[in-house]
């Protein structure tokens, strides 16, 4: 790995400006630097796969470093991820395997994954799904998240969540009112609660948590010590749950 990493660095220097070439190997004389560059240029001409292999190795090293950082962040923030009593939960509240989903109510990929998630909860009765509202797609995303968290106070978070995941129009306030009333919510109360600063603080906490985990989009899943970005199918969800269950010895 060290040899390949050095080759990548020297390859960049070999074809870069003379100013950058001066940094190729501290302590080398100008003549020695030129000799290093000449040798490297010749090696790359003779076997271009050297550079390709070096780049692949560096990418693998970067991925390992990223995964290590993600695992450390998940461990550091485990309480906020898995054990926040305020978070809405679907599936089995006492489930042995906890899956955390960061989602945006306007996110097409979140909606695309929802049938698979519903099927998972039907098939795997020991799964506890923690939902983290992460409104990243504009003002109506924020409005929908506020409505969802306000609905939780009336015991209707899951019902409104399911309605918004099926929705194929923008969750503007009139649309939210319509969908809220369809699932039996008191709209006047819901609208008041949506403006409660406590709800804004919960959304801000989710946003900070997502930032700490370097989450860059929705959906994003956390299970065990793994972060899975993007929508996945039912088979993948079941594999992730199975692996987490095995790690727990269940």
C-alpha atoms as a PDB file:
ATOM      1  CA  UNK A   1       0.000   0.000   0.000  1.00  0.00           C
ATOM      2  CA  UNK A   2       2.781   2.452   0.909  1.00  0.00           C
ATOM      3  CA  UNK A   3       4.612   1.742  -2.347  1.00  0.00           C
ATOM      4  CA  UNK A   4       1.493   2.337  -4.417  1.00  0.00           C
ATOM      5  CA  UNK A   5       0.568   5.484  -2.512  1.00  0.00           C
ATOM      6  CA  UNK A   6       4.028   6.924  -3.113  1.00  0.00           C
ATOM      7  CA  UNK A   7       3.777   6.063  -6.781  1.00  0.00           C
ATOM      8  CA  UNK A   8       0.530   7.976  -7.080  1.00  0.00           C
ATOM      9  CA  UNK A   9       2.090  10.987  -5.394  1.00  0.00           C
ATOM     10  CA  UNK A  10       5.172  10.836  -7.592  1.00  0.00           C
ATOM     11  CA  UNK A  11       3.038  10.291 -10.707  1.00  0.00           C
ATOM     12  CA  UNK A  12       1.222  13.519  -9.975  1.00  0.00           C
ATOM     13  CA  UNK A  13       4.504  15.291  -9.485  1.00  0.00           C
ATOM     14  CA  UNK A  14       6.046  13.800 -12.607  1.00  0.00           C
ATOM     15  CA  UNK A  15       3.424  15.353 -14.855  1.00  0.00           C
ATOM     16  CA  UNK A  16       2.848  18.493 -12.808  1.00  0.00           C
ATOM     17  CA  UNK A  17       4.549  21.848 -12.883  1.00  0.00           C
ATOM     18  CA  UNK A  18       8.257  22.293 -12.097  1.00  0.00           C
ATOM     19  CA  UNK A  19       7.274  24.072  -8.885  1.00  0.00           C
ATOM     20  CA  UNK A  20       5.421  21.006  -7.626  1.00  0.00           C
ATOM     21  CA  UNK A  21       8.251  18.772  -8.764  1.00  0.00           C
ATOM     22  CA  UNK A  22      10.505  20.488  -6.235  1.00  0.00           C
ATOM     23  CA  UNK A  23       8.541  18.729  -3.464  1.00  0.00           C
ATOM     24  CA  UNK A  24       9.242  15.233  -4.793  1.00  0.00           C
ATOM     25  CA  UNK A  25      11.321  13.800  -2.034  1.00  0.00           C
ATOM     26  CA  UNK A  26      12.605  16.258   0.567  1.00  0.00           C
ATOM     27  CA  UNK A  27      16.367  16.157   0.855  1.00  0.00           C
ATOM     28  CA  UNK A  28      16.940  15.184  -2.772  1.00  0.00           C
ATOM     29  CA  UNK A  29      19.153  17.272  -4.989  1.00  0.00           C
ATOM     30  CA  UNK A  30      17.609  18.763  -8.161  1.00  0.00           C
ATOM     31  CA  UNK A  31      19.415  16.120 -10.202  1.00  0.00           C
ATOM     32  CA  UNK A  32      18.088  13.334  -7.996  1.00  0.00           C
ATOM     33  CA  UNK A  33      14.566  14.709  -8.300  1.00  0.00           C
ATOM     34  CA  UNK A  34      14.842  14.716 -12.070  1.00  0.00           C
ATOM     35  CA  UNK A  35      16.118  11.153 -11.978  1.00  0.00           C
ATOM     36  CA  UNK A  36      13.146  10.040  -9.839  1.00  0.00           C
ATOM     37  CA  UNK A  37      10.734  11.730 -12.227  1.00  0.00           C
ATOM     38  CA  UNK A  38      12.417  10.190 -15.265  1.00  0.00           C
ATOM     39  CA  UNK A  39      12.329   6.700 -13.743  1.00  0.00           C
ATOM     40  CA  UNK A  40       8.694   7.071 -12.833  1.00  0.00           C
ATOM     41  CA  UNK A  41       7.728   8.357 -16.276  1.00  0.00           C
ATOM     42  CA  UNK A  42       9.490   5.430 -17.877  1.00  0.00           C
ATOM     43  CA  UNK A  43       7.850   2.937 -15.503  1.00  0.00           C
ATOM     44  CA  UNK A  44       4.397   4.328 -16.258  1.00  0.00           C
ATOM     45  CA  UNK A  45       5.037   4.174 -19.983  1.00  0.00           C
ATOM     46  CA  UNK A  46       6.160   0.568 -19.711  1.00  0.00           C
ATOM     47  CA  UNK A  47       3.323  -0.493 -17.392  1.00  0.00           C
ATOM     48  CA  UNK A  48       0.392   1.953 -17.103  1.00  0.00           C
ATOM     49  CA  UNK A  49      -1.368  -0.497 -14.777  1.00  0.00           C
ATOM     50  CA  UNK A  50       0.911   0.753 -11.974  1.00  0.00           C
ATOM     51  CA  UNK A  51      -1.063   3.979 -11.783  1.00  0.00           C
ATOM     52  CA  UNK A  52      -4.412   2.206 -12.133  1.00  0.00           C
ATOM     53  CA  UNK A  53      -3.581  -0.231  -9.335  1.00  0.00           C
ATOM     54  CA  UNK A  54      -2.341   2.609  -7.152  1.00  0.00           C
ATOM     55  CA  UNK A  55      -5.563   4.550  -7.627  1.00  0.00           C
ATOM     56  CA  UNK A  56      -7.650   1.487  -6.829  1.00  0.00           C
ATOM     57  CA  UNK A  57      -5.617   0.857  -3.685  1.00  0.00           C
ATOM     58  CA  UNK A  58      -5.974   4.467  -2.577  1.00  0.00           C
ATOM     59  CA  UNK A  59      -9.720   4.362  -3.164  1.00  0.00           C
ATOM     60  CA  UNK A  60      -9.957   1.216  -1.055  1.00  0.00           C
ATOM     61  CA  UNK A  61      -7.928   2.847   1.694  1.00  0.00           C
ATOM     62  CA  UNK A  62     -10.153   5.933   1.616  1.00  0.00           C
ATOM     63  CA  UNK A  63     -13.269   3.751   1.813  1.00  0.00           C
ATOM     64  CA  UNK A  64     -11.874   1.896   4.810  1.00  0.00           C
ATOM     65  CA  UNK A  65     -11.047   5.178   6.496  1.00  0.00           C
ATOM     66  CA  UNK A  66     -14.550   6.506   5.787  1.00  0.00           C
ATOM     67  CA  UNK A  67     -16.202   3.351   7.149  1.00  0.00           C
ATOM     68  CA  UNK A  68     -14.054   3.514  10.257  1.00  0.00           C
ATOM     69  CA  UNK A  69     -15.050   7.123  10.843  1.00  0.00           C
ATOM     70  CA  UNK A  70     -18.729   6.264  10.342  1.00  0.00           C
ATOM     71  CA  UNK A  71     -18.555   3.409  12.839  1.00  0.00           C
ATOM     72  CA  UNK A  72     -16.865   5.660  15.374  1.00  0.00           C
ATOM     73  CA  UNK A  73     -19.538   8.332  14.882  1.00  0.00           C
ATOM     74  CA  UNK A  74     -22.351   5.784  15.260  1.00  0.00           C
ATOM     75  CA  UNK A  75     -20.817   4.526  18.500  1.00  0.00           C
ATOM     76  CA  UNK A  76     -20.353   8.056  19.800  1.00  0.00           C
ATOM     77  CA  UNK A  77     -23.959   9.014  19.035  1.00  0.00           C
ATOM     78  CA  UNK A  78     -25.595   5.662  19.823  1.00  0.00           C
ATOM     79  CA  UNK A  79     -27.901   7.080  22.490  1.00  0.00           C
ATOM     80  CA  UNK A  80     -29.303   9.761  20.179  1.00  0.00           C
ATOM     81  CA  UNK A  81     -29.636   7.278  17.332  1.00  0.00           C
ATOM     82  CA  UNK A  82     -31.148   4.271  19.026  1.00  0.00           C
ATOM     83  CA  UNK A  83     -32.447   5.307  22.446  1.00  0.00           C
ATOM     84  CA  UNK A  84     -34.112   8.720  22.145  1.00  0.00           C
ATOM     85  CA  UNK A  85     -37.487   8.222  23.851  1.00  0.00           C
ATOM     86  CA  UNK A  86     -39.017  11.069  21.811  1.00  0.00           C
ATOM     87  CA  UNK A  87     -38.413   9.406  18.452  1.00  0.00           C
ATOM     88  CA  UNK A  88     -41.386   7.901  16.612  1.00  0.00           C
ATOM     89  CA  UNK A  89     -41.146   4.133  16.265  1.00  0.00           C
ATOM     90  CA  UNK A  90     -42.790   1.677  13.889  1.00  0.00           C
ATOM     91  CA  UNK A  91     -42.677  -2.096  13.945  1.00  0.00           C
ATOM     92  CA  UNK A  92     -42.039  -3.774  17.294  1.00  0.00           C
ATOM     93  CA  UNK A  93     -41.252  -1.148  19.983  1.00  0.00           C
ATOM     94  CA  UNK A  94     -39.454  -3.880  21.947  1.00  0.00           C
ATOM     95  CA  UNK A  95     -37.746  -5.366  18.894  1.00  0.00           C
ATOM     96  CA  UNK A  96     -34.285  -6.876  19.298  1.00  0.00           C
ATOM     97  CA  UNK A  97     -32.992  -5.299  16.071  1.00  0.00           C
ATOM     98  CA  UNK A  98     -33.193  -1.520  15.706  1.00  0.00           C
ATOM     99  CA  UNK A  99     -33.122   0.114  12.283  1.00  0.00           C
ATOM    100  CA  UNK A 100     -32.898   3.911  12.070  1.00  0.00           C
ATOM    101  CA  UNK A 101     -34.139   5.696   8.959  1.00  0.00           C
ATOM    102  CA  UNK A 102     -33.354   9.324   8.175  1.00  0.00           C
ATOM    103  CA  UNK A 103     -35.967  10.437   5.660  1.00  0.00           C
ATOM    104  CA  UNK A 104     -37.553  13.440   4.001  1.00  0.00           C
ATOM    105  CA  UNK A 105     -41.307  13.355   3.417  1.00  0.00           C
ATOM    106  CA  UNK A 106     -40.768  14.773  -0.095  1.00  0.00           C
ATOM    107  CA  UNK A 107     -37.948  12.385  -1.013  1.00  0.00           C
ATOM    108  CA  UNK A 108     -38.825  10.222  -4.018  1.00  0.00           C
ATOM    109  CA  UNK A 109     -36.295   7.561  -3.033  1.00  0.00           C
ATOM    110  CA  UNK A 110     -37.773   7.386   0.476  1.00  0.00           C
ATOM    111  CA  UNK A 111     -41.205   6.842  -1.061  1.00  0.00           C
ATOM    112  CA  UNK A 112     -39.740   4.240  -3.425  1.00  0.00           C
ATOM    113  CA  UNK A 113     -38.297   2.275  -0.485  1.00  0.00           C
ATOM    114  CA  UNK A 114     -41.424   2.485   1.675  1.00  0.00           C
ATOM    115  CA  UNK A 115     -43.147  -0.689   0.361  1.00  0.00           C
ATOM    116  CA  UNK A 116     -39.981  -2.678   1.073  1.00  0.00           C
ATOM    117  CA  UNK A 117     -39.768  -1.199   4.565  1.00  0.00           C
ATOM    118  CA  UNK A 118     -43.431  -2.030   5.229  1.00  0.00           C
ATOM    119  CA  UNK A 119     -42.858  -5.596   4.019  1.00  0.00           C
ATOM    120  CA  UNK A 120     -39.798  -5.908   6.256  1.00  0.00           C
ATOM    121  CA  UNK A 121     -41.797  -4.920   9.344  1.00  0.00           C
ATOM    122  CA  UNK A 122     -44.513  -7.410   8.404  1.00  0.00           C
ATOM    123  CA  UNK A 123     -42.068 -10.266   7.891  1.00  0.00           C
ATOM    124  CA  UNK A 124     -39.550  -9.557  10.630  1.00  0.00           C
ATOM    125  CA  UNK A 125     -41.453  -9.202  13.881  1.00  0.00           C
ATOM    126  CA  UNK A 126     -38.408  -8.376  16.001  1.00  0.00           C
ATOM    127  CA  UNK A 127     -37.480  -5.187  14.090  1.00  0.00           C
ATOM    128  CA  UNK A 128     -37.863  -1.777  15.683  1.00  0.00           C
ATOM    129  CA  UNK A 129     -37.833   1.064  13.140  1.00  0.00           C
ATOM    130  CA  UNK A 130     -36.829   4.487  14.458  1.00  0.00           C
ATOM    131  CA  UNK A 131     -37.820   7.366  12.172  1.00  0.00           C
ATOM    132  CA  UNK A 132     -35.690  10.504  12.014  1.00  0.00           C
ATOM    133  CA  UNK A 133     -37.296  13.390  10.131  1.00  0.00           C
ATOM    134  CA  UNK A 134     -34.595  15.099   8.065  1.00  0.00           C
ATOM    135  CA  UNK A 135     -36.193  17.831   5.904  1.00  0.00           C
ATOM    136  CA  UNK A 136     -33.491  18.691   3.370  1.00  0.00           C
ATOM    137  CA  UNK A 137     -35.547  19.340   0.239  1.00  0.00           C
ATOM    138  CA  UNK A 138     -36.908  22.788   0.920  1.00  0.00           C
ATOM    139  CA  UNK A 139     -39.624  24.627   2.867  1.00  0.00           C
ATOM    140  CA  UNK A 140     -42.388  22.110   2.200  1.00  0.00           C
ATOM    141  CA  UNK A 141     -40.171  19.314   3.494  1.00  0.00           C
ATOM    142  CA  UNK A 142     -39.769  21.275   6.710  1.00  0.00           C
ATOM    143  CA  UNK A 143     -43.507  21.889   6.854  1.00  0.00           C
ATOM    144  CA  UNK A 144     -44.204  18.172   6.467  1.00  0.00           C
ATOM    145  CA  UNK A 145     -41.703  17.245   9.193  1.00  0.00           C
ATOM    146  CA  UNK A 146     -43.283  19.716  11.570  1.00  0.00           C
ATOM    147  CA  UNK A 147     -46.717  18.246  10.783  1.00  0.00           C
ATOM    148  CA  UNK A 148     -45.467  14.698  11.392  1.00  0.00           C
ATOM    149  CA  UNK A 149     -43.921  15.523  14.752  1.00  0.00           C
ATOM    150  CA  UNK A 150     -47.024  17.461  15.744  1.00  0.00           C
ATOM    151  CA  UNK A 151     -49.140  14.436  14.738  1.00  0.00           C
ATOM    152  CA  UNK A 152     -47.117  12.336  17.166  1.00  0.00           C
ATOM    153  CA  UNK A 153     -48.668  14.337  20.008  1.00  0.00           C
ATOM    154  CA  UNK A 154     -52.077  13.079  18.888  1.00  0.00           C
ATOM    155  CA  UNK A 155     -50.862   9.498  18.523  1.00  0.00           C
ATOM    156  CA  UNK A 156     -51.128   9.598  14.738  1.00  0.00           C
ATOM    157  CA  UNK A 157     -47.526   9.875  13.553  1.00  0.00           C
ATOM    158  CA  UNK A 158     -47.531   6.496  11.790  1.00  0.00           C
ATOM    159  CA  UNK A 159     -50.817   7.188  10.019  1.00  0.00           C
ATOM    160  CA  UNK A 160     -49.702  10.579   8.708  1.00  0.00           C
ATOM    161  CA  UNK A 161     -46.293   9.189   7.784  1.00  0.00           C
ATOM    162  CA  UNK A 162     -47.905   6.472   5.675  1.00  0.00           C
ATOM    163  CA  UNK A 163     -50.171   9.042   4.016  1.00  0.00           C
ATOM    164  CA  UNK A 164     -47.253  11.316   3.130  1.00  0.00           C
ATOM    165  CA  UNK A 165     -45.187   8.408   1.814  1.00  0.00           C
ATOM    166  CA  UNK A 166     -48.045   7.613  -0.580  1.00  0.00           C
ATOM    167  CA  UNK A 167     -48.480  11.262  -1.543  1.00  0.00           C
ATOM    168  CA  UNK A 168     -47.551  12.186  -5.109  1.00  0.00           C
ATOM    169  CA  UNK A 169     -47.978  15.941  -4.764  1.00  0.00           C
ATOM    170  CA  UNK A 170     -46.131  18.585  -2.813  1.00  0.00           C
ATOM    171  CA  UNK A 171     -47.061  18.660   0.910  1.00  0.00           C
ATOM    172  CA  UNK A 172     -48.200  22.270   0.981  1.00  0.00           C
ATOM    173  CA  UNK A 173     -50.254  23.400   3.937  1.00  0.00           C
ATOM    174  CA  UNK A 174     -53.665  22.762   2.252  1.00  0.00           C
ATOM    175  CA  UNK A 175     -52.501  19.276   1.253  1.00  0.00           C
ATOM    176  CA  UNK A 176     -51.248  18.570   4.769  1.00  0.00           C
ATOM    177  CA  UNK A 177     -54.573  19.715   6.206  1.00  0.00           C
ATOM    178  CA  UNK A 178     -56.438  17.380   3.872  1.00  0.00           C
ATOM    179  CA  UNK A 179     -54.214  14.388   4.646  1.00  0.00           C
ATOM    180  CA  UNK A 180     -54.215  15.106   8.381  1.00  0.00           C
ATOM    181  CA  UNK A 181     -57.975  15.218   8.547  1.00  0.00           C
ATOM    182  CA  UNK A 182     -58.210  12.004   6.515  1.00  0.00           C
ATOM    183  CA  UNK A 183     -56.296  10.127   9.226  1.00  0.00           C
ATOM    184  CA  UNK A 184     -58.337  11.628  12.055  1.00  0.00           C
ATOM    185  CA  UNK A 185     -56.096  14.454  13.241  1.00  0.00           C
ATOM    186  CA  UNK A 186     -57.412  17.642  14.800  1.00  0.00           C
ATOM    187  CA  UNK A 187     -56.051  20.146  12.280  1.00  0.00           C
ATOM    188  CA  UNK A 188     -56.434  23.248  14.478  1.00  0.00           C
ATOM    189  CA  UNK A 189     -54.424  21.580  17.257  1.00  0.00           C
ATOM    190  CA  UNK A 190     -51.939  20.151  14.795  1.00  0.00           C
ATOM    191  CA  UNK A 191     -51.339  23.551  13.214  1.00  0.00           C
ATOM    192  CA  UNK A 192     -50.690  25.142  16.611  1.00  0.00           C
ATOM    193  CA  UNK A 193     -48.300  22.370  17.604  1.00  0.00           C
ATOM    194  CA  UNK A 194     -46.403  22.667  14.334  1.00  0.00           C
ATOM    195  CA  UNK A 195     -45.190  26.095  15.469  1.00  0.00           C
ATOM    196  CA  UNK A 196     -44.022  24.862  18.876  1.00  0.00           C
ATOM    197  CA  UNK A 197     -40.284  25.645  19.284  1.00  0.00           C
ATOM    198  CA  UNK A 198     -39.830  22.196  20.814  1.00  0.00           C
ATOM    199  CA  UNK A 199     -40.638  20.624  17.454  1.00  0.00           C
ATOM    200  CA  UNK A 200     -38.157  22.905  15.708  1.00  0.00           C
ATOM    201  CA  UNK A 201     -35.516  21.801  18.234  1.00  0.00           C
ATOM    202  CA  UNK A 202     -36.177  18.131  17.479  1.00  0.00           C
ATOM    203  CA  UNK A 203     -35.684  18.718  13.764  1.00  0.00           C
ATOM    204  CA  UNK A 204     -32.504  20.682  14.469  1.00  0.00           C
ATOM    205  CA  UNK A 205     -31.225  17.802  16.623  1.00  0.00           C
ATOM    206  CA  UNK A 206     -31.859  15.343  13.768  1.00  0.00           C
ATOM    207  CA  UNK A 207     -30.009  17.649  11.384  1.00  0.00           C
ATOM    208  CA  UNK A 208     -27.004  17.882  13.717  1.00  0.00           C
ATOM    209  CA  UNK A 209     -26.995  14.117  14.168  1.00  0.00           C
ATOM    210  CA  UNK A 210     -27.076  13.568  10.406  1.00  0.00           C
ATOM    211  CA  UNK A 211     -24.176  15.993  10.070  1.00  0.00           C
ATOM    212  CA  UNK A 212     -22.160  14.118  12.678  1.00  0.00           C
ATOM    213  CA  UNK A 213     -22.670  10.911  10.688  1.00  0.00           C
ATOM    214  CA  UNK A 214     -21.789  12.659   7.396  1.00  0.00           C
ATOM    215  CA  UNK A 215     -25.191  11.790   5.943  1.00  0.00           C
ATOM    216  CA  UNK A 216     -25.492  13.577   2.602  1.00  0.00           C
ATOM    217  CA  UNK A 217     -28.988  12.628   1.471  1.00  0.00           C
ATOM    218  CA  UNK A 218     -32.117  10.644   2.158  1.00  0.00           C
ATOM    219  CA  UNK A 219     -32.955   7.939   2.772  1.00  0.00           C
ATOM    220  CA  UNK A 220     -30.072   6.907   5.011  1.00  0.00           C
ATOM    221  CA  UNK A 221     -30.248   3.822   7.212  1.00  0.00           C
ATOM    222  CA  UNK A 222     -28.295   3.031  10.354  1.00  0.00           C
ATOM    223  CA  UNK A 223     -28.268  -0.536  11.616  1.00  0.00           C
ATOM    224  CA  UNK A 224     -25.767  -1.790  14.136  1.00  0.00           C
ATOM    225  CA  UNK A 225     -22.534   0.024  13.376  1.00  0.00           C
ATOM    226  CA  UNK A 226     -23.260   0.439   9.667  1.00  0.00           C
ATOM    227  CA  UNK A 227     -24.566   3.403   7.691  1.00  0.00           C
ATOM    228  CA  UNK A 228     -26.334   2.524   4.437  1.00  0.00           C
ATOM    229  CA  UNK A 229     -26.961   5.492   2.126  1.00  0.00           C
ATOM    230  CA  UNK A 230     -29.766   5.464  -0.419  1.00  0.00           C
ATOM    231  CA  UNK A 231     -32.831   3.322  -1.068  1.00  0.00           C
ATOM    232  CA  UNK A 232     -32.423  -0.449  -0.860  1.00  0.00           C
ATOM    233  CA  UNK A 233     -34.730  -3.349  -1.710  1.00  0.00           C
ATOM    234  CA  UNK A 234     -36.399  -5.836   0.614  1.00  0.00           C
ATOM    235  CA  UNK A 235     -33.721  -8.485   0.129  1.00  0.00           C
ATOM    236  CA  UNK A 236     -31.032  -6.026   1.201  1.00  0.00           C
ATOM    237  CA  UNK A 237     -33.071  -4.889   4.210  1.00  0.00           C
ATOM    238  CA  UNK A 238     -33.539  -8.487   5.310  1.00  0.00           C
ATOM    239  CA  UNK A 239     -29.845  -9.218   4.853  1.00  0.00           C
ATOM    240  CA  UNK A 240     -28.896  -6.192   6.957  1.00  0.00           C
ATOM    241  CA  UNK A 241     -31.333  -7.198   9.676  1.00  0.00           C
ATOM    242  CA  UNK A 242     -30.063 -10.783   9.607  1.00  0.00           C
ATOM    243  CA  UNK A 243     -26.457  -9.646   9.945  1.00  0.00           C
ATOM    244  CA  UNK A 244     -27.349  -7.346  12.833  1.00  0.00           C
ATOM    245  CA  UNK A 245     -29.286 -10.152  14.534  1.00  0.00           C
ATOM    246  CA  UNK A 246     -26.341 -12.500  14.171  1.00  0.00           C
ATOM    247  CA  UNK A 247     -23.963  -9.939  15.649  1.00  0.00           C
ATOM    248  CA  UNK A 248     -26.259  -9.705  18.649  1.00  0.00           C
ATOM    249  CA  UNK A 249     -26.274 -13.468  18.998  1.00  0.00           C
ATOM    250  CA  UNK A 250     -29.986 -13.773  18.171  1.00  0.00           C
END
